[in-house]
Protein backbone atom coordinates (compact mmCIF):
# COMPACT_ATOMS: atom_id res chain seq x y z
CA MET A 1 12.62 -0.32 -10.05
CA ALA A 2 10.06 1.53 -7.93
CA GLY A 3 9.93 0.67 -4.24
CA LYS A 4 6.80 1.25 -2.17
CA SER A 5 7.94 4.29 -0.21
CA THR A 6 9.69 5.80 -3.23
CA LEU A 7 6.50 5.47 -5.25
CA VAL A 8 4.41 7.06 -2.48
CA ARG A 9 6.63 10.14 -2.53
CA ALA A 10 6.50 10.29 -6.32
CA LEU A 11 2.70 10.03 -6.30
CA VAL A 12 2.32 12.84 -3.77
CA ALA A 13 4.56 15.03 -5.93
CA GLU A 14 2.58 14.12 -9.07
CA LEU A 15 -0.77 14.95 -7.48
CA GLU A 16 0.54 18.22 -6.08
CA ALA A 17 1.87 19.16 -9.52
CA ARG A 18 -1.64 18.61 -10.91
CA GLY A 19 -3.14 20.94 -8.34
CA VAL A 20 -4.50 18.16 -6.09
CA PRO A 21 -3.44 18.54 -2.42
CA ALA A 22 -1.97 15.25 -1.22
CA VAL A 23 -0.12 13.95 1.82
CA ARG A 24 1.93 10.84 2.56
CA HIS A 25 0.67 8.79 5.51
CA ARG A 26 2.06 5.78 7.34
CA GLY A 27 0.73 3.55 10.09
CA MET A 28 -2.77 3.70 11.52
CA LEU A 29 -5.34 6.04 9.99
CA ALA A 30 -7.20 7.25 13.08
CA GLY A 31 -6.04 10.29 14.98
CA LEU A 32 -6.18 8.26 18.22
CA ARG A 33 -3.75 5.32 18.52
CA PRO A 34 -3.94 4.04 22.10
CA LEU A 35 -1.90 0.85 21.58
CA GLN A 36 0.74 2.27 19.26
CA PRO A 37 3.47 2.47 21.96
CA LEU A 38 2.98 -1.22 22.74
CA LEU A 39 2.97 -2.26 19.08
CA ARG A 40 6.24 -0.46 18.47
CA GLN A 41 7.93 -2.78 20.95
CA LEU A 42 7.18 -5.76 18.70
CA SER A 43 9.45 -6.72 15.82
CA SER A 44 7.55 -6.36 12.54
CA ALA A 45 10.45 -8.10 10.75
CA ARG A 46 9.69 -11.31 12.69
CA GLN A 47 5.93 -11.01 12.34
CA PRO A 48 5.52 -13.91 9.82
CA ASP A 49 7.03 -16.26 12.44
CA SER A 50 5.10 -14.96 15.45
CA TRP A 51 1.43 -15.62 16.17
CA TRP A 52 1.54 -13.08 18.99
CA THR A 53 2.95 -10.24 16.86
CA THR A 54 0.46 -11.04 14.11
CA THR A 55 -2.46 -11.04 16.56
CA ALA A 56 -1.35 -7.82 18.23
CA TYR A 57 -1.08 -5.93 14.95
CA VAL A 58 -4.26 -7.37 13.40
CA VAL A 59 -6.52 -6.91 16.45
CA GLY A 60 -4.89 -4.19 18.54
CA GLY A 61 -3.68 -2.30 15.51
CA PHE A 62 -5.68 -2.41 12.31
CA LEU A 63 -9.03 -3.77 13.54
CA LEU A 64 -9.12 -1.19 16.33
CA ASP A 65 -8.06 1.46 13.83
CA ARG A 66 -11.13 0.69 11.72
CA LEU A 67 -13.37 1.47 14.69
CA LEU A 68 -11.53 4.61 15.80
CA VAL A 69 -11.21 6.16 12.35
CA ARG A 70 -14.96 6.77 12.32
CA LEU A 71 -14.59 8.98 15.39
CA LEU A 72 -11.26 10.62 14.55
CA PRO A 73 -10.62 10.64 10.79
CA PRO A 74 -7.07 11.10 9.55
CA ARG A 75 -5.70 14.64 9.24
CA PRO A 76 -5.26 16.93 7.48
CA ARG A 77 -8.71 17.15 5.90
CA GLY A 78 -9.22 18.13 2.27
CA ARG A 79 -6.21 16.23 0.96
CA VAL A 80 -5.74 12.97 -0.88
CA ILE A 81 -4.17 10.54 1.58
CA VAL A 82 -1.50 8.37 -0.02
CA GLN A 83 -1.07 5.52 2.44
CA ASP A 84 2.36 3.88 2.63
CA GLY A 85 1.39 0.31 3.49
CA TYR A 86 -1.42 -0.95 5.70
CA GLY A 87 -2.80 -4.08 7.37
CA ASP A 88 -3.10 -6.06 4.13
CA ARG A 89 0.57 -6.98 4.32
CA THR A 90 0.29 -7.92 7.98
CA VAL A 91 -2.57 -10.34 7.35
CA ALA A 92 -0.91 -11.81 4.25
CA PHE A 93 2.35 -12.35 6.13
CA GLY A 94 0.43 -13.95 9.00
CA MET A 95 -1.22 -16.41 6.63
CA ALA A 96 1.95 -17.17 4.67
CA GLY A 97 4.06 -17.64 7.78
CA GLY A 98 1.42 -19.34 9.93
CA PRO A 99 -1.38 -19.56 9.25
CA TYR A 100 -2.35 -17.81 12.48
CA LEU A 101 -5.91 -17.55 13.77
CA ALA A 102 -6.07 -13.73 13.79
CA ALA A 103 -4.93 -13.57 10.17
CA ALA A 104 -7.38 -16.30 9.14
CA LEU A 105 -10.30 -14.47 10.77
CA ALA A 106 -9.24 -11.22 9.09
CA LEU A 107 -9.19 -13.02 5.77
CA ARG A 108 -12.69 -14.36 6.45
CA TRP A 109 -14.05 -10.87 7.19
CA PRO A 110 -11.77 -8.43 5.34
CA ARG A 111 -14.39 -5.67 5.30
CA ALA A 112 -13.99 -5.31 9.06
CA PHE A 113 -10.85 -3.35 8.19
CA ALA A 114 -10.50 0.10 6.63
CA ARG A 115 -10.74 0.09 2.85
CA PHE A 116 -9.33 2.48 0.28
CA ASP A 117 -10.70 4.04 -2.90
CA LEU A 118 -7.72 2.77 -4.89
CA ALA A 119 -5.21 0.18 -3.68
CA VAL A 120 -2.01 -0.55 -5.59
CA PHE A 121 -0.02 -3.78 -5.37
CA LEU A 122 3.52 -3.50 -6.74
CA HIS A 123 4.86 -6.66 -8.33
CA ALA A 124 8.60 -7.03 -8.92
CA SER A 125 10.46 -9.85 -10.61
CA HIS A 126 12.49 -12.30 -8.57
CA GLU A 127 15.69 -10.75 -9.93
CA ALA A 128 14.63 -7.24 -8.92
CA ARG A 129 13.71 -8.34 -5.41
CA ALA A 130 17.02 -10.18 -5.10
CA ALA A 131 18.87 -7.01 -6.10
CA ARG A 132 17.10 -5.07 -3.37
CA LEU A 133 18.02 -7.75 -0.84
CA GLY A 134 21.48 -6.20 -0.60
CA GLN A 135 19.81 -3.03 0.66
CA GLY A 136 18.42 -4.74 3.75
CA ARG A 137 15.10 -5.97 2.32
CA ASP A 138 13.26 -9.04 3.58
CA GLU A 139 15.23 -12.00 2.29
CA ARG A 140 12.40 -14.47 2.86
CA THR A 141 10.39 -13.09 -0.07
CA VAL A 142 13.38 -13.86 -2.29
CA ARG A 143 14.65 -17.18 -0.97
CA ASP A 144 11.34 -18.83 -0.09
CA THR A 145 9.32 -19.09 -3.30
CA GLU A 146 6.37 -20.91 -1.72
CA PHE A 147 6.13 -18.28 1.04
CA THR A 148 6.14 -15.49 -1.55
CA GLU A 149 3.40 -17.11 -3.62
CA ARG A 150 1.21 -17.62 -0.56
CA PHE A 151 1.79 -14.03 0.50
CA ARG A 152 0.77 -12.66 -2.92
CA ALA A 153 -2.34 -14.84 -3.09
CA PHE A 154 -3.61 -13.86 0.36
CA HIS A 155 -2.72 -10.21 -0.26
CA LEU A 156 -4.44 -9.90 -3.65
CA HIS A 157 -7.33 -12.35 -3.49
CA GLY A 158 -7.95 -12.12 0.26
CA MET A 159 -7.53 -8.69 1.82
CA GLY A 160 -7.41 -6.92 -1.53
CA ARG A 161 -11.03 -7.71 -2.37
CA ARG A 162 -12.40 -5.22 0.17
CA HIS A 163 -11.05 -2.14 -1.63
CA ASP A 164 -13.12 -0.16 -4.10
CA ARG A 165 -10.47 -0.78 -6.75
CA LEU A 166 -7.27 -2.86 -6.74
CA VAL A 167 -4.64 -2.63 -9.45
CA VAL A 168 -1.44 -4.64 -9.86
CA LEU A 169 1.50 -2.84 -11.42
CA ALA A 170 4.88 -4.26 -12.42
CA SER A 171 7.61 -2.10 -10.96
CA SER A 172 10.79 -3.80 -12.16
CA LEU A 173 11.26 -1.92 -15.44
CA ARG A 174 9.45 1.35 -14.79
CA SER A 175 10.49 4.52 -13.02
CA PRO A 176 8.60 5.78 -9.95
CA ALA A 177 7.55 8.92 -11.85
CA ASP A 178 6.06 6.85 -14.70
CA ILE A 179 4.07 4.62 -12.34
CA ALA A 180 2.94 7.66 -10.34
CA ARG A 181 1.55 9.26 -13.51
CA GLU A 182 -0.50 6.15 -14.27
CA ILE A 183 -1.89 5.95 -10.74
CA ALA A 184 -2.74 9.67 -10.74
CA ASP A 185 -4.56 9.24 -14.06
CA ARG A 186 -6.63 6.37 -12.63
CA LEU A 187 -7.33 8.18 -9.37
CA LEU A 188 -8.48 11.45 -10.95
CA THR A 189 -10.56 9.65 -13.56
CA GLU A 190 -12.39 7.30 -11.19
CA HIS A 191 -12.38 9.32 -7.95
CA ALA A 192 -12.48 13.01 -8.79
CA PRO A 193 -11.90 15.12 -5.65
CA PRO A 194 -14.80 17.32 -4.50
CA GLY A 195 -14.94 20.96 -5.54
CA PRO A 196 -13.68 22.57 -8.72
CA ALA A 197 -11.78 20.33 -11.08
CA PRO A 198 -8.01 20.68 -10.61
CA ALA A 199 -5.93 22.25 -13.32
CA LEU A 200 -4.04 19.35 -14.82
CA ARG A 201 -0.41 19.88 -15.64
CA PRO A 202 0.10 19.86 -19.41
CA ARG A 203 2.60 17.33 -20.66
CA PRO A 204 5.22 18.56 -23.10
CA PRO A 205 4.82 17.26 -26.67
CA LEU A 206 7.11 14.45 -27.72
CA PRO A 207 9.73 15.16 -30.39
CA GLU A 208 8.75 14.00 -33.84
CA GLY A 209 9.43 10.30 -34.23
CA ALA A 210 9.88 9.74 -30.49
CA ARG A 211 7.85 7.13 -28.60
CA SER A 212 6.42 7.38 -25.10
CA ASP A 213 8.04 5.21 -22.43
CA ARG A 214 4.72 4.53 -20.77
CA SER A 215 3.59 0.94 -20.87
């Protein structure tokens, strides 16, 4: 099963192997983050149960980030930014756990937040998420089915609609490298980077009679 951060690292490696400079990025996009020290004092694990934490992250974090990123774009320039999570999850958790006013307003005006050329939502089976629970993952998405369904709906059909393209990929039975290849194919086909076309890495031919493991 491919986890979010594992997949981000695999995608950066895949793009680099194809001659496309890429960098992993977490947190806010803008180079200036004035409220970041205050946000770090809040528990993101308890965010679905806290209107204050949800409001602080939505307004003082991601909404402010949308305004500042116009003045101070993320660095380094000239690279594909592979973002490891963003405010979509925060809003979806705030709606599923609340609903809280800040999350509801964000859902009403999702385009007030930064959007991405290609957003990927990883879907894992209940069994796969339960297996990861032993590794310290959020148990509420496993043990509270109604919460999980609300979270997915607000994530995909609420905040997800602002992105240029949103794809949903099942991660339970596929390796991170396999999913990364599919995402790289989509990205380079639909959003070719400026400048000369990158030299794509040739794939070795399959042995006679063998079948590809790509779905």
